[in-house]
PDB file of N, CA and C in Angstrom:
ATOM      1  N   VAL A   1     126.905  64.762 106.986  1.00  0.00           N
ATOM      2  CA  VAL A   1     127.724  65.509 106.047  1.00  0.00           C
ATOM      3  C   VAL A   1     129.181  65.286 106.424  1.00  0.00           C
ATOM      4  N   ASP A   2     129.998  64.884 105.463  1.00  0.00           N
ATOM      5  CA  ASP A   2     131.422  64.709 105.706  1.00  0.00           C
ATOM      6  C   ASP A   2     132.193  65.839 105.052  1.00  0.00           C
ATOM      7  N   VAL A   3     133.130  66.399 105.784  1.00  0.00           N
ATOM      8  CA  VAL A   3     134.009  67.425 105.223  1.00  0.00           C
ATOM      9  C   VAL A   3     135.447  67.012 105.488  1.00  0.00           C
ATOM     10  N   GLY A   4     136.337  67.476 104.682  1.00  0.00           N
ATOM     11  CA  GLY A   4     137.743  67.158 104.886  1.00  0.00           C
ATOM     12  C   GLY A   4     138.367  66.622 103.612  1.00  0.00           C
ATOM     13  N   HIS A   5     139.581  66.143 103.705  1.00  0.00           N
ATOM     14  CA  HIS A   5     140.318  65.630 102.548  1.00  0.00           C
ATOM     15  C   HIS A   5     140.890  64.269 102.897  1.00  0.00           C
ATOM     16  N   GLY A   6     140.793  63.341 101.954  1.00  0.00           N
ATOM     17  CA  GLY A   6     141.410  62.038 102.144  1.00  0.00           C
ATOM     18  C   GLY A   6     140.860  61.305 103.341  1.00  0.00           C
ATOM     19  N   ASP A   7     141.767  60.874 104.239  1.00  0.00           N
ATOM     20  CA  ASP A   7     141.364  60.094 105.404  1.00  0.00           C
ATOM     21  C   ASP A   7     140.943  60.957 106.593  1.00  0.00           C
ATOM     22  N   SER A   8     140.907  62.282 106.418  1.00  0.00           N
ATOM     23  CA  SER A   8     140.615  63.155 107.559  1.00  0.00           C
ATOM     24  C   SER A   8     139.166  63.646 107.569  1.00  0.00           C
ATOM     25  N   ASN A   9     138.251  62.913 106.930  1.00  0.00           N
ATOM     26  CA  ASN A   9     136.854  63.336 106.926  1.00  0.00           C
ATOM     27  C   ASN A   9     136.286  63.364 108.343  1.00  0.00           C
ATOM     28  N   VAL A  10     135.485  64.370 108.610  1.00  0.00           N
ATOM     29  CA  VAL A  10     134.871  64.549 109.919  1.00  0.00           C
ATOM     30  C   VAL A  10     133.369  64.680 109.705  1.00  0.00           C
ATOM     31  N   ALA A  11     132.578  63.918 110.439  1.00  0.00           N
ATOM     32  CA  ALA A  11     131.115  64.010 110.327  1.00  0.00           C
ATOM     33  C   ALA A  11     130.638  65.261 111.050  1.00  0.00           C
ATOM     34  N   ILE A  12     129.826  66.060 110.370  1.00  0.00           N
ATOM     35  CA  ILE A  12     129.244  67.265 110.960  1.00  0.00           C
ATOM     36  C   ILE A  12     127.738  67.089 110.951  1.00  0.00           C
ATOM     37  N   SER A  13     127.129  67.190 112.112  1.00  0.00           N
ATOM     38  CA  SER A  13     125.689  66.973 112.184  1.00  0.00           C
ATOM     39  C   SER A  13     124.937  68.300 112.185  1.00  0.00           C
ATOM     40  N   ILE A  14     123.699  68.227 111.729  1.00  0.00           N
ATOM     41  CA  ILE A  14     122.830  69.395 111.712  1.00  0.00           C
ATOM     42  C   ILE A  14     122.324  69.637 113.130  1.00  0.00           C
ATOM     43  N   ARG A  15     122.424  70.879 113.593  1.00  0.00           N
ATOM     44  CA  ARG A  15     122.022  71.234 114.961  1.00  0.00           C
ATOM     45  C   ARG A  15     120.576  71.722 115.009  1.00  0.00           C
ATOM     46  N   ILE A  16     120.242  72.667 114.140  1.00  0.00           N
ATOM     47  CA  ILE A  16     118.886  73.216 114.101  1.00  0.00           C
ATOM     48  C   ILE A  16     118.512  73.523 112.660  1.00  0.00           C
ATOM     49  N   TYR A  17     117.226  73.689 112.450  1.00  0.00           N
ATOM     50  CA  TYR A  17     116.701  74.198 111.189  1.00  0.00           C
ATOM     51  C   TYR A  17     116.006  75.515 111.483  1.00  0.00           C
ATOM     52  N   GLU A  18     116.146  76.474 110.585  1.00  0.00           N
ATOM     53  CA  GLU A  18     115.438  77.739 110.696  1.00  0.00           C
ATOM     54  C   GLU A  18     114.383  77.756 109.597  1.00  0.00           C
ATOM     55  N   VAL A  19     113.158  78.081 109.969  1.00  0.00           N
ATOM     56  CA  VAL A  19     112.044  78.119 109.021  1.00  0.00           C
ATOM     57  C   VAL A  19     111.521  79.549 108.971  1.00  0.00           C
ATOM     58  N   GLN A  20     111.304  80.068 107.765  1.00  0.00           N
ATOM     59  CA  GLN A  20     110.688  81.378 107.596  1.00  0.00           C
ATOM     60  C   GLN A  20     109.344  81.193 106.908  1.00  0.00           C
ATOM     61  N   VAL A  21     108.353  81.932 107.381  1.00  0.00           N
ATOM     62  CA  VAL A  21     107.007  81.902 106.814  1.00  0.00           C
ATOM     63  C   VAL A  21     106.646  83.332 106.445  1.00  0.00           C
ATOM     64  N   SER A  22     106.151  83.517 105.218  1.00  0.00           N
ATOM     65  CA  SER A  22     105.829  84.855 104.745  1.00  0.00           C
ATOM     66  C   SER A  22     104.528  84.851 103.953  1.00  0.00           C
ATOM     67  N   PRO A  23     103.640  85.811 104.227  1.00  0.00           N
ATOM     68  CA  PRO A  23     102.431  85.928 103.415  1.00  0.00           C
ATOM     69  C   PRO A  23     102.737  86.401 101.996  1.00  0.00           C
ATOM     70  N   LEU A  24     103.856  87.049 101.789  1.00  0.00           N
ATOM     71  CA  LEU A  24     104.169  87.603 100.481  1.00  0.00           C
ATOM     72  C   LEU A  24     105.149  86.759  99.685  1.00  0.00           C
ATOM     73  N   GLY A  25     106.032  86.066 100.369  1.00  0.00           N
ATOM     74  CA  GLY A  25     107.063  85.299  99.678  1.00  0.00           C
ATOM     75  C   GLY A  25     108.175  86.173  99.121  1.00  0.00           C
ATOM     76  N   ASP A  26     108.135  87.460  99.431  1.00  0.00           N
ATOM     77  CA  ASP A  26     109.182  88.384  98.997  1.00  0.00           C
ATOM     78  C   ASP A  26     110.150  88.517 100.158  1.00  0.00           C
ATOM     79  N   TRP A  27     111.182  87.682 100.143  1.00  0.00           N
ATOM     80  CA  TRP A  27     112.061  87.547 101.303  1.00  0.00           C
ATOM     81  C   TRP A  27     112.886  88.798 101.598  1.00  0.00           C
ATOM     82  N   LEU A  28     113.027  89.701 100.647  1.00  0.00           N
ATOM     83  CA  LEU A  28     113.854  90.887 100.863  1.00  0.00           C
ATOM     84  C   LEU A  28     113.049  92.145 101.139  1.00  0.00           C
ATOM     85  N   SER A  29     111.733  92.082 101.044  1.00  0.00           N
ATOM     86  CA  SER A  29     110.895  93.265 101.227  1.00  0.00           C
ATOM     87  C   SER A  29     110.936  93.740 102.672  1.00  0.00           C
ATOM     88  N   PRO A  30     111.135  95.059 102.893  1.00  0.00           N
ATOM     89  CA  PRO A  30     111.101  95.568 104.267  1.00  0.00           C
ATOM     90  C   PRO A  30     109.681  95.540 104.837  1.00  0.00           C
ATOM     91  N   TYR A  31     108.675  95.329 103.986  1.00  0.00           N
ATOM     92  CA  TYR A  31     107.284  95.316 104.431  1.00  0.00           C
ATOM     93  C   TYR A  31     106.767  93.903 104.701  1.00  0.00           C
ATOM     94  N   MET A  32     107.613  92.928 104.500  1.00  0.00           N
ATOM     95  CA  MET A  32     107.199  91.544 104.662  1.00  0.00           C
ATOM     96  C   MET A  32     106.932  91.240 106.141  1.00  0.00           C
ATOM     97  N   ARG A  33     105.809  90.597 106.404  1.00  0.00           N
ATOM     98  CA  ARG A  33     105.496  90.159 107.766  1.00  0.00           C
ATOM     99  C   ARG A  33     106.038  88.748 107.935  1.00  0.00           C
ATOM    100  N   MET A  34     107.345  88.628 107.949  1.00  0.00           N
ATOM    101  CA  MET A  34     108.000  87.329 108.026  1.00  0.00           C
ATOM    102  C   MET A  34     108.146  86.913 109.482  1.00  0.00           C
ATOM    103  N   LYS A  35     108.021  85.613 109.729  1.00  0.00           N
ATOM    104  CA  LYS A  35     108.228  85.073 111.068  1.00  0.00           C
ATOM    105  C   LYS A  35     109.285  83.985 110.975  1.00  0.00           C
ATOM    106  N   ASN A  36     110.197  83.952 111.943  1.00  0.00           N
ATOM    107  CA  ASN A  36     111.223  82.918 112.001  1.00  0.00           C
ATOM    108  C   ASN A  36     110.884  81.918 113.101  1.00  0.00           C
ATOM    109  N   TYR A  37     111.132  80.642 112.825  1.00  0.00           N
ATOM    110  CA  TYR A  37     110.896  79.566 113.774  1.00  0.00           C
ATOM    111  C   TYR A  37     112.126  78.680 113.775  1.00  0.00           C
ATOM    112  N   THR A  38     112.392  78.040 114.894  1.00  0.00           N
ATOM    113  CA  THR A  38     113.551  77.162 115.001  1.00  0.00           C
ATOM    114  C   THR A  38     113.093  75.772 115.409  1.00  0.00           C
ATOM    115  N   ALA A  39     113.603  74.767 114.709  1.00  0.00           N
ATOM    116  CA  ALA A  39     113.330  73.367 115.047  1.00  0.00           C
ATOM    117  C   ALA A  39     114.632  72.752 115.523  1.00  0.00           C
ATOM    118  N   THR A  40     114.671  72.339 116.774  1.00  0.00           N
ATOM    119  CA  THR A  40     115.850  71.663 117.303  1.00  0.00           C
ATOM    120  C   THR A  40     115.832  70.219 116.831  1.00  0.00           C
ATOM    121  N   VAL A  41     116.970  69.718 116.432  1.00  0.00           N
ATOM    122  CA  VAL A  41     117.063  68.382 115.853  1.00  0.00           C
ATOM    123  C   VAL A  41     117.456  67.379 116.920  1.00  0.00           C
ATOM    124  N   SER A  42     116.619  66.339 117.072  1.00  0.00           N
ATOM    125  CA  SER A  42     116.971  65.287 118.022  1.00  0.00           C
ATOM    126  C   SER A  42     117.753  64.174 117.336  1.00  0.00           C
ATOM    127  N   ASN A  43     117.546  63.987 116.045  1.00  0.00           N
ATOM    128  CA  ASN A  43     118.278  62.984 115.269  1.00  0.00           C
ATOM    129  C   ASN A  43     118.790  63.670 114.009  1.00  0.00           C
ATOM    130  N   SER A  44     120.044  64.057 113.991  1.00  0.00           N
ATOM    131  CA  SER A  44     120.578  64.842 112.882  1.00  0.00           C
ATOM    132  C   SER A  44     120.678  64.056 111.586  1.00  0.00           C
ATOM    133  N   TYR A  45     120.472  62.750 111.630  1.00  0.00           N
ATOM    134  CA  TYR A  45     120.542  61.939 110.423  1.00  0.00           C
ATOM    135  C   TYR A  45     119.157  61.480 109.964  1.00  0.00           C
ATOM    136  N   ALA A  46     118.102  62.062 110.532  1.00  0.00           N
ATOM    137  CA  ALA A  46     116.737  61.700 110.140  1.00  0.00           C
ATOM    138  C   ALA A  46     116.490  62.131 108.698  1.00  0.00           C
ATOM    139  N   ALA A  47     115.657  61.363 107.996  1.00  0.00           N
ATOM    140  CA  ALA A  47     115.359  61.654 106.593  1.00  0.00           C
ATOM    141  C   ALA A  47     114.493  62.903 106.439  1.00  0.00           C
ATOM    142  N   SER A  48     113.682  63.221 107.433  1.00  0.00           N
ATOM    143  CA  SER A  48     112.849  64.420 107.359  1.00  0.00           C
ATOM    144  C   SER A  48     112.606  64.954 108.764  1.00  0.00           C
ATOM    145  N   VAL A  49     112.254  66.225 108.838  1.00  0.00           N
ATOM    146  CA  VAL A  49     111.977  66.890 110.105  1.00  0.00           C
ATOM    147  C   VAL A  49     110.647  67.603 109.952  1.00  0.00           C
ATOM    148  N   PHE A  50     109.835  67.605 110.997  1.00  0.00           N
ATOM    149  CA  PHE A  50     108.509  68.218 110.976  1.00  0.00           C
ATOM    150  C   PHE A  50     108.467  69.350 111.982  1.00  0.00           C
ATOM    151  N   LEU A  51     107.886  70.472 111.588  1.00  0.00           N
ATOM    152  CA  LEU A  51     107.703  71.593 112.502  1.00  0.00           C
ATOM    153  C   LEU A  51     106.308  72.146 112.295  1.00  0.00           C
ATOM    154  N   ALA A  52     105.494  72.150 113.332  1.00  0.00           N
ATOM    155  CA  ALA A  52     104.162  72.743 113.265  1.00  0.00           C
ATOM    156  C   ALA A  52     104.305  74.228 113.576  1.00  0.00           C
ATOM    157  N   VAL A  53     103.929  75.070 112.640  1.00  0.00           N
ATOM    158  CA  VAL A  53     104.013  76.521 112.814  1.00  0.00           C
ATOM    159  C   VAL A  53     102.638  77.015 113.237  1.00  0.00           C
ATOM    160  N   GLU A  54     102.570  77.639 114.395  1.00  0.00           N
ATOM    161  CA  GLU A  54     101.306  78.103 114.947  1.00  0.00           C
ATOM    162  C   GLU A  54     101.268  79.625 114.988  1.00  0.00           C
ATOM    163  N   ASN A  55     100.141  80.158 115.403  1.00  0.00           N
ATOM    164  CA  ASN A  55      99.926  81.598 115.578  1.00  0.00           C
ATOM    165  C   ASN A  55     100.030  82.371 114.267  1.00  0.00           C
ATOM    166  N   LEU A  56      99.623  81.743 113.172  1.00  0.00           N
ATOM    167  CA  LEU A  56      99.534  82.447 111.901  1.00  0.00           C
ATOM    168  C   LEU A  56      98.138  83.046 111.786  1.00  0.00           C
ATOM    169  N   THR A  57      97.930  83.918 110.812  1.00  0.00           N
ATOM    170  CA  THR A  57      96.630  84.554 110.625  1.00  0.00           C
ATOM    171  C   THR A  57      95.772  83.708 109.700  1.00  0.00           C
ATOM    172  N   LYS A  58      94.650  83.245 110.226  1.00  0.00           N
ATOM    173  CA  LYS A  58      93.736  82.410 109.450  1.00  0.00           C
ATOM    174  C   LYS A  58      93.289  83.165 108.202  1.00  0.00           C
ATOM    175  N   GLY A  59      93.313  82.478 107.071  1.00  0.00           N
ATOM    176  CA  GLY A  59      92.908  83.077 105.806  1.00  0.00           C
ATOM    177  C   GLY A  59      94.071  83.587 104.980  1.00  0.00           C
ATOM    178  N   ASP A  60      95.226  83.830 105.615  1.00  0.00           N
ATOM    179  CA  ASP A  60      96.409  84.266 104.861  1.00  0.00           C
ATOM    180  C   ASP A  60      96.870  83.144 103.930  1.00  0.00           C
ATOM    181  N   THR A  61      97.469  83.522 102.834  1.00  0.00           N
ATOM    182  CA  THR A  61      98.168  82.567 101.983  1.00  0.00           C
ATOM    183  C   THR A  61      99.647  82.793 102.227  1.00  0.00           C
ATOM    184  N   VAL A  62     100.368  81.727 102.590  1.00  0.00           N
ATOM    185  CA  VAL A  62     101.764  81.869 102.975  1.00  0.00           C
ATOM    186  C   VAL A  62     102.650  80.913 102.191  1.00  0.00           C
ATOM    187  N   VAL A  63     103.915  81.241 102.147  1.00  0.00           N
ATOM    188  CA  VAL A  63     104.953  80.351 101.626  1.00  0.00           C
ATOM    189  C   VAL A  63     106.018  80.227 102.707  1.00  0.00           C
ATOM    190  N   SER A  64     106.820  79.189 102.625  1.00  0.00           N
ATOM    191  CA  SER A  64     107.866  79.009 103.631  1.00  0.00           C
ATOM    192  C   SER A  64     109.143  78.527 102.967  1.00  0.00           C
ATOM    193  N   ARG A  65     110.222  78.655 103.706  1.00  0.00           N
ATOM    194  CA  ARG A  65     111.518  78.132 103.282  1.00  0.00           C
ATOM    195  C   ARG A  65     112.280  77.733 104.527  1.00  0.00           C
ATOM    196  N   VAL A  66     113.331  76.938 104.348  1.00  0.00           N
ATOM    197  CA  VAL A  66     114.054  76.401 105.495  1.00  0.00           C
ATOM    198  C   VAL A  66     115.544  76.323 105.184  1.00  0.00           C
ATOM    199  N   ARG A  67     116.356  76.421 106.233  1.00  0.00           N
ATOM    200  CA  ARG A  67     117.794  76.193 106.089  1.00  0.00           C
ATOM    201  C   ARG A  67     118.304  75.498 107.341  1.00  0.00           C
ATOM    202  N   ALA A  68     119.442  74.843 107.179  1.00  0.00           N
ATOM    203  CA  ALA A  68     120.037  74.068 108.268  1.00  0.00           C
ATOM    204  C   ALA A  68     121.261  74.782 108.831  1.00  0.00           C
ATOM    205  N   TYR A  69     121.528  74.527 110.104  1.00  0.00           N
ATOM    206  CA  TYR A  69     122.715  75.039 110.784  1.00  0.00           C
ATOM    207  C   TYR A  69     123.548  73.859 111.288  1.00  0.00           C
ATOM    208  N   THR A  70     124.858  73.963 111.137  1.00  0.00           N
ATOM    209  CA  THR A  70     125.796  73.000 111.711  1.00  0.00           C
ATOM    210  C   THR A  70     126.795  73.773 112.560  1.00  0.00           C
ATOM    211  N   GLU A  71     127.809  73.080 113.058  1.00  0.00           N
ATOM    212  CA  GLU A  71     128.870  73.755 113.811  1.00  0.00           C
ATOM    213  C   GLU A  71     129.606  74.770 112.928  1.00  0.00           C
ATOM    214  N   VAL A  72     129.618  74.523 111.618  1.00  0.00           N
ATOM    215  CA  VAL A  72     130.313  75.393 110.675  1.00  0.00           C
ATOM    216  C   VAL A  72     129.552  76.688 110.453  1.00  0.00           C
ATOM    217  N   GLY A  73     128.229  76.648 110.527  1.00  0.00           N
ATOM    218  CA  GLY A  73     127.414  77.839 110.308  1.00  0.00           C
ATOM    219  C   GLY A  73     126.107  77.492 109.637  1.00  0.00           C
ATOM    220  N   LYS A  74     125.486  78.508 109.023  1.00  0.00           N
ATOM    221  CA  LYS A  74     124.186  78.313 108.401  1.00  0.00           C
ATOM    222  C   LYS A  74     124.327  77.996 106.918  1.00  0.00           C
ATOM    223  N   GLY A  75     123.421  77.131 106.440  1.00  0.00           N
ATOM    224  CA  GLY A  75     123.401  76.777 105.029  1.00  0.00           C
ATOM    225  C   GLY A  75     122.542  77.752 104.235  1.00  0.00           C
ATOM    226  N   GLN A  76     122.393  77.476 102.960  1.00  0.00           N
ATOM    227  CA  GLN A  76     121.571  78.317 102.093  1.00  0.00           C
ATOM    228  C   GLN A  76     120.094  78.002 102.319  1.00  0.00           C
ATOM    229  N   TRP A  77     119.240  78.953 101.962  1.00  0.00           N
ATOM    230  CA  TRP A  77     117.801  78.757 102.058  1.00  0.00           C
ATOM    231  C   TRP A  77     117.335  77.790 100.978  1.00  0.00           C
ATOM    232  N   SER A  78     116.343  76.985 101.306  1.00  0.00           N
ATOM    233  CA  SER A  78     115.719  76.103 100.321  1.00  0.00           C
ATOM    234  C   SER A  78     114.888  76.939  99.355  1.00  0.00           C
ATOM    235  N   ASN A  79     114.400  76.301  98.314  1.00  0.00           N
ATOM    236  CA  ASN A  79     113.409  76.950  97.468  1.00  0.00           C
ATOM    237  C   ASN A  79     112.163  77.195  98.301  1.00  0.00           C
ATOM    238  N   ALA A  80     111.366  78.168  97.909  1.00  0.00           N
ATOM    239  CA  ALA A  80     110.119  78.439  98.621  1.00  0.00           C
ATOM    240  C   ALA A  80     109.120  77.315  98.377  1.00  0.00           C
ATOM    241  N   SER A  81     108.302  77.050  99.373  1.00  0.00           N
ATOM    242  CA  SER A  81     107.261  76.033  99.241  1.00  0.00           C
ATOM    243  C   SER A  81     106.154  76.548  98.325  1.00  0.00           C
ATOM    244  N   ALA A  82     105.246  75.679  97.988  1.00  0.00           N
ATOM    245  CA  ALA A  82     104.034  76.101  97.288  1.00  0.00           C
ATOM    246  C   ALA A  82     103.217  76.976  98.243  1.00  0.00           C
ATOM    247  N   SER A  83     102.376  77.817  97.703  1.00  0.00           N
ATOM    248  CA  SER A  83     101.499  78.652  98.528  1.00  0.00           C
ATOM    249  C   SER A  83     100.491  77.784  99.260  1.00  0.00           C
ATOM    250  N   LEU A  84     100.284  78.111 100.534  1.00  0.00           N
ATOM    251  CA  LEU A  84      99.328  77.374 101.358  1.00  0.00           C
ATOM    252  C   LEU A  84      98.372  78.352 102.028  1.00  0.00           C
ATOM    253  N   LYS A  85      97.104  77.991 102.103  1.00  0.00           N
ATOM    254  CA  LYS A  85      96.132  78.811 102.819  1.00  0.00           C
ATOM    255  C   LYS A  85      96.132  78.382 104.284  1.00  0.00           C
ATOM    256  N   VAL A  86      96.272  79.354 105.178  1.00  0.00           N
ATOM    257  CA  VAL A  86      96.268  79.071 106.615  1.00  0.00           C
ATOM    258  C   VAL A  86      94.829  78.792 107.042  1.00  0.00           C
ATOM    259  N   VAL A  87      94.606  77.611 107.588  1.00  0.00           N
ATOM    260  CA  VAL A  87      93.283  77.247 108.089  1.00  0.00           C
ATOM    261  C   VAL A  87      93.332  77.230 109.602  1.00  0.00           C
ATOM    262  N   GLY A  88      92.180  77.226 110.225  1.00  0.00           N
ATOM    263  CA  GLY A  88      92.123  77.235 111.678  1.00  0.00           C
ATOM    264  C   GLY A  88      91.410  76.004 112.207  1.00  0.00           C
ATOM    265  N   TYR A  89      91.340  75.926 113.507  1.00  0.00           N
ATOM    266  CA  TYR A  89      90.595  74.852 114.152  1.00  0.00           C
ATOM    267  C   TYR A  89      89.116  75.175 114.062  1.00  0.00           C
ATOM    268  N   PRO A  90      88.270  74.162 114.008  1.00  0.00           N
ATOM    269  CA  PRO A  90      86.831  74.442 114.014  1.00  0.00           C
ATOM    270  C   PRO A  90      86.391  74.946 115.382  1.00  0.00           C
ATOM    271  N   SER A  91      85.302  75.712 115.384  1.00  0.00           N
ATOM    272  CA  SER A  91      84.719  76.113 116.665  1.00  0.00           C
ATOM    273  C   SER A  91      84.034  74.892 117.272  1.00  0.00           C
ATOM    274  N   PRO A  92      83.701  74.944 118.551  1.00  0.00           N
ATOM    275  CA  PRO A  92      83.081  73.762 119.165  1.00  0.00           C
ATOM    276  C   PRO A  92      81.666  73.539 118.637  1.00  0.00           C
ATOM    277  N   PRO A  93      81.251  72.267 118.545  1.00  0.00           N
ATOM    278  CA  PRO A  93      79.849  71.991 118.220  1.00  0.00           C
ATOM    279  C   PRO A  93      78.948  72.545 119.331  1.00  0.00           C
ATOM    280  N   ILE A  94      77.683  72.730 119.022  1.00  0.00           N
ATOM    281  CA  ILE A  94      76.743  73.272 119.994  1.00  0.00           C
ATOM    282  C   ILE A  94      75.831  72.140 120.470  1.00  0.00           C
ATOM    283  N   ILE A  95      75.844  71.862 121.763  1.00  0.00           N
ATOM    284  CA  ILE A  95      74.986  70.817 122.315  1.00  0.00           C
ATOM    285  C   ILE A  95      73.556  71.336 122.363  1.00  0.00           C
ATOM    286  N   ILE A  96      72.657  70.566 121.764  1.00  0.00           N
ATOM    287  CA  ILE A  96      71.240  70.933 121.738  1.00  0.00           C
ATOM    288  C   ILE A  96      70.528  70.327 122.934  1.00  0.00           C
ATOM    289  N   THR A  97      70.670  69.014 123.111  1.00  0.00           N
ATOM    290  CA  THR A  97      70.060  68.342 124.262  1.00  0.00           C
ATOM    291  C   THR A  97      70.996  67.260 124.767  1.00  0.00           C
ATOM    292  N   ALA A  98      70.875  66.971 126.036  1.00  0.00           N
ATOM    293  CA  ALA A  98      71.593  65.857 126.651  1.00  0.00           C
ATOM    294  C   ALA A  98      70.650  65.238 127.667  1.00  0.00           C
ATOM    295  N   SER A  99      70.495  63.934 127.589  1.00  0.00           N
ATOM    296  CA  SER A  99      69.591  63.266 128.516  1.00  0.00           C
ATOM    297  C   SER A  99      70.155  61.898 128.868  1.00  0.00           C
ATOM    298  N   SER A 100      69.692  61.367 129.999  1.00  0.00           N
ATOM    299  CA  SER A 100      70.160  60.054 130.424  1.00  0.00           C
ATOM    300  C   SER A 100      68.995  59.074 130.420  1.00  0.00           C
ATOM    301  N   GLY A 101      69.354  57.808 130.346  1.00  0.00           N
ATOM    302  CA  GLY A 101      68.341  56.758 130.365  1.00  0.00           C
ATOM    303  C   GLY A 101      67.849  56.500 131.782  1.00  0.00           C
ATOM    304  N   THR A 102      67.166  55.415 131.949  1.00  0.00           N
ATOM    305  CA  THR A 102      66.642  55.027 133.267  1.00  0.00           C
ATOM    306  C   THR A 102      67.577  54.004 133.883  1.00  0.00           C
ATOM    307  N   SER A 103      67.297  53.590 135.095  1.00  0.00           N
ATOM    308  CA  SER A 103      68.141  52.586 135.757  1.00  0.00           C
ATOM    309  C   SER A 103      68.101  51.259 135.016  1.00  0.00           C
ATOM    310  N   GLY A 104      66.990  50.970 134.316  1.00  0.00           N
ATOM    311  CA  GLY A 104      66.902  49.752 133.528  1.00  0.00           C
ATOM    312  C   GLY A 104      67.604  49.874 132.182  1.00  0.00           C
ATOM    313  N   GLU A 105      67.826  51.082 131.733  1.00  0.00           N
ATOM    314  CA  GLU A 105      68.493  51.328 130.442  1.00  0.00           C
ATOM    315  C   GLU A 105      69.608  52.342 130.655  1.00  0.00           C
ATOM    316  N   PRO A 106      70.799  51.880 131.085  1.00  0.00           N
ATOM    317  CA  PRO A 106      71.890  52.821 131.376  1.00  0.00           C
ATOM    318  C   PRO A 106      72.531  53.354 130.089  1.00  0.00           C
ATOM    319  N   PHE A 107      72.219  54.582 129.719  1.00  0.00           N
ATOM    320  CA  PHE A 107      72.817  55.229 128.551  1.00  0.00           C
ATOM    321  C   PHE A 107      72.636  56.734 128.696  1.00  0.00           C
ATOM    322  N   ILE A 108      73.336  57.445 127.866  1.00  0.00           N
ATOM    323  CA  ILE A 108      73.087  58.880 127.723  1.00  0.00           C
ATOM    324  C   ILE A 108      72.887  59.163 126.250  1.00  0.00           C
ATOM    325  N   GLU A 109      72.202  60.221 125.961  1.00  0.00           N
ATOM    326  CA  GLU A 109      71.991  60.649 124.576  1.00  0.00           C
ATOM    327  C   GLU A 109      72.366  62.117 124.480  1.00  0.00           C
ATOM    328  N   VAL A 110      73.191  62.432 123.516  1.00  0.00           N
ATOM    329  CA  VAL A 110      73.625  63.814 123.310  1.00  0.00           C
ATOM    330  C   VAL A 110      73.357  64.171 121.851  1.00  0.00           C
ATOM    331  N   ASP A 111      72.667  65.268 121.625  1.00  0.00           N
ATOM    332  CA  ASP A 111      72.407  65.788 120.281  1.00  0.00           C
ATOM    333  C   ASP A 111      73.117  67.129 120.150  1.00  0.00           C
ATOM    334  N   TRP A 112      73.791  67.331 119.018  1.00  0.00           N
ATOM    335  CA  TRP A 112      74.501  68.584 118.815  1.00  0.00           C
ATOM    336  C   TRP A 112      74.370  69.030 117.371  1.00  0.00           C
ATOM    337  N   SER A 113      74.654  70.308 117.159  1.00  0.00           N
ATOM    338  CA  SER A 113      74.669  70.866 115.805  1.00  0.00           C
ATOM    339  C   SER A 113      76.114  71.055 115.368  1.00  0.00           C
ATOM    340  N   LEU A 114      76.300  71.218 114.083  1.00  0.00           N
ATOM    341  CA  LEU A 114      77.645  71.400 113.523  1.00  0.00           C
ATOM    342  C   LEU A 114      78.285  72.679 114.058  1.00  0.00           C
ATOM    343  N   PRO A 115      79.612  72.740 114.073  1.00  0.00           N
ATOM    344  CA  PRO A 115      80.286  73.982 114.483  1.00  0.00           C
ATOM    345  C   PRO A 115      79.915  75.135 113.542  1.00  0.00           C
ATOM    346  N   LEU A 116      79.887  76.331 114.077  1.00  0.00           N
ATOM    347  CA  LEU A 116      79.608  77.510 113.255  1.00  0.00           C
ATOM    348  C   LEU A 116      80.765  77.798 112.299  1.00  0.00           C
ATOM    349  N   ASP A 117      81.976  77.468 112.727  1.00  0.00           N
ATOM    350  CA  ASP A 117      83.182  77.700 111.921  1.00  0.00           C
ATOM    351  C   ASP A 117      83.892  76.377 111.752  1.00  0.00           C
ATOM    352  N   THR A 118      84.056  75.911 110.519  1.00  0.00           N
ATOM    353  CA  THR A 118      84.712  74.624 110.263  1.00  0.00           C
ATOM    354  C   THR A 118      86.225  74.741 110.175  1.00  0.00           C
ATOM    355  N   GLY A 119      86.766  75.932 110.283  1.00  0.00           N
ATOM    356  CA  GLY A 119      88.209  76.130 110.187  1.00  0.00           C
ATOM    357  C   GLY A 119      88.674  76.376 108.776  1.00  0.00           C
ATOM    358  N   ASP A 120      87.749  76.417 107.817  1.00  0.00           N
ATOM    359  CA  ASP A 120      88.021  76.697 106.407  1.00  0.00           C
ATOM    360  C   ASP A 120      88.779  75.596 105.696  1.00  0.00           C
ATOM    361  N   LEU A 121      88.869  74.425 106.258  1.00  0.00           N
ATOM    362  CA  LEU A 121      89.528  73.314 105.585  1.00  0.00           C
ATOM    363  C   LEU A 121      88.545  72.719 104.602  1.00  0.00           C
ATOM    364  N   SER A 122      88.924  72.731 103.324  1.00  0.00           N
ATOM    365  CA  SER A 122      87.999  72.201 102.316  1.00  0.00           C
ATOM    366  C   SER A 122      88.542  70.974 101.652  1.00  0.00           C
TER     367      SER A 122
END
């Protein structure tokens, strides 16, 4: 971002991004369970920045928005994202049997069943 007049333009780089996640998307509600996250920028001229937001409640539907900070201050909030359903990691598969081969046939065999919880990713 260049600011200034004429030949006195000065490059200002983005320092951090602030991300808000809300189950309601009502950014002004005093009842909103909003969480703020900060992404530190290693390359302020990158075309995109990625932030993995963790510790959300599985099954919630959430929206998010983001804004950038420079030396000058904070920018405006972006439009809200589309609604997303929070999914979780699957539970571990269950090992049913495990056996090994003989000295003439060096192998192992493992049989397992599907996880009880797939993480709700469809």
